[in-house]
């Protein structure tokens, strides 16, 4: 499945504030997920295998590193949980592992917009908002407007916006 997201990620100094705002907007809480994202070495884009209790997916995406709402072109595959170990072994042999990101994630939805409140050891807490257009019916402008709405609602400070992926941030810590 291929689709477009407009998304942003920001430091989240007060996850309780975000939770309460989401609750006040009647967001659907999907649960708490402990996720391990294994990023593989690629010549372009990013390829990761997500292993979680709620979400299991092989995700390839291309996205510019820029602060604020940005477009991601995503190809997503949901493997069977029983095949995940074999798939991971094959990908390791073909590509090699770049880095592993382990996080605790709360997942919420309002219509087509997905919200993550993430906690990552050594990095801290983050809010991630993904306005998703699964079938091309919404368009980039609507997705952009949705992200801008939540940037304002969550009172995200410009200094808190994150351009990189968690994998980039963890790699920077290694240097």
Foldseek 3Di string as FASTA:
>chain_A
DKWKKWKWKFADPDVVLVVVLCVVVVWAWPFKKWWKWWWFADPAFTWIFIDIPRDTKTKTWHWFQDFAITMIIIDIDHDDPVCSVVVVVVRCVVTNTDDMWIWMWIWIDDVQKIWIFIQGPPPGTMIMIIRIDPPCPQDPVNNNVVRVVVCVVSVGDSVGIGRDDVSVVVVVVVD
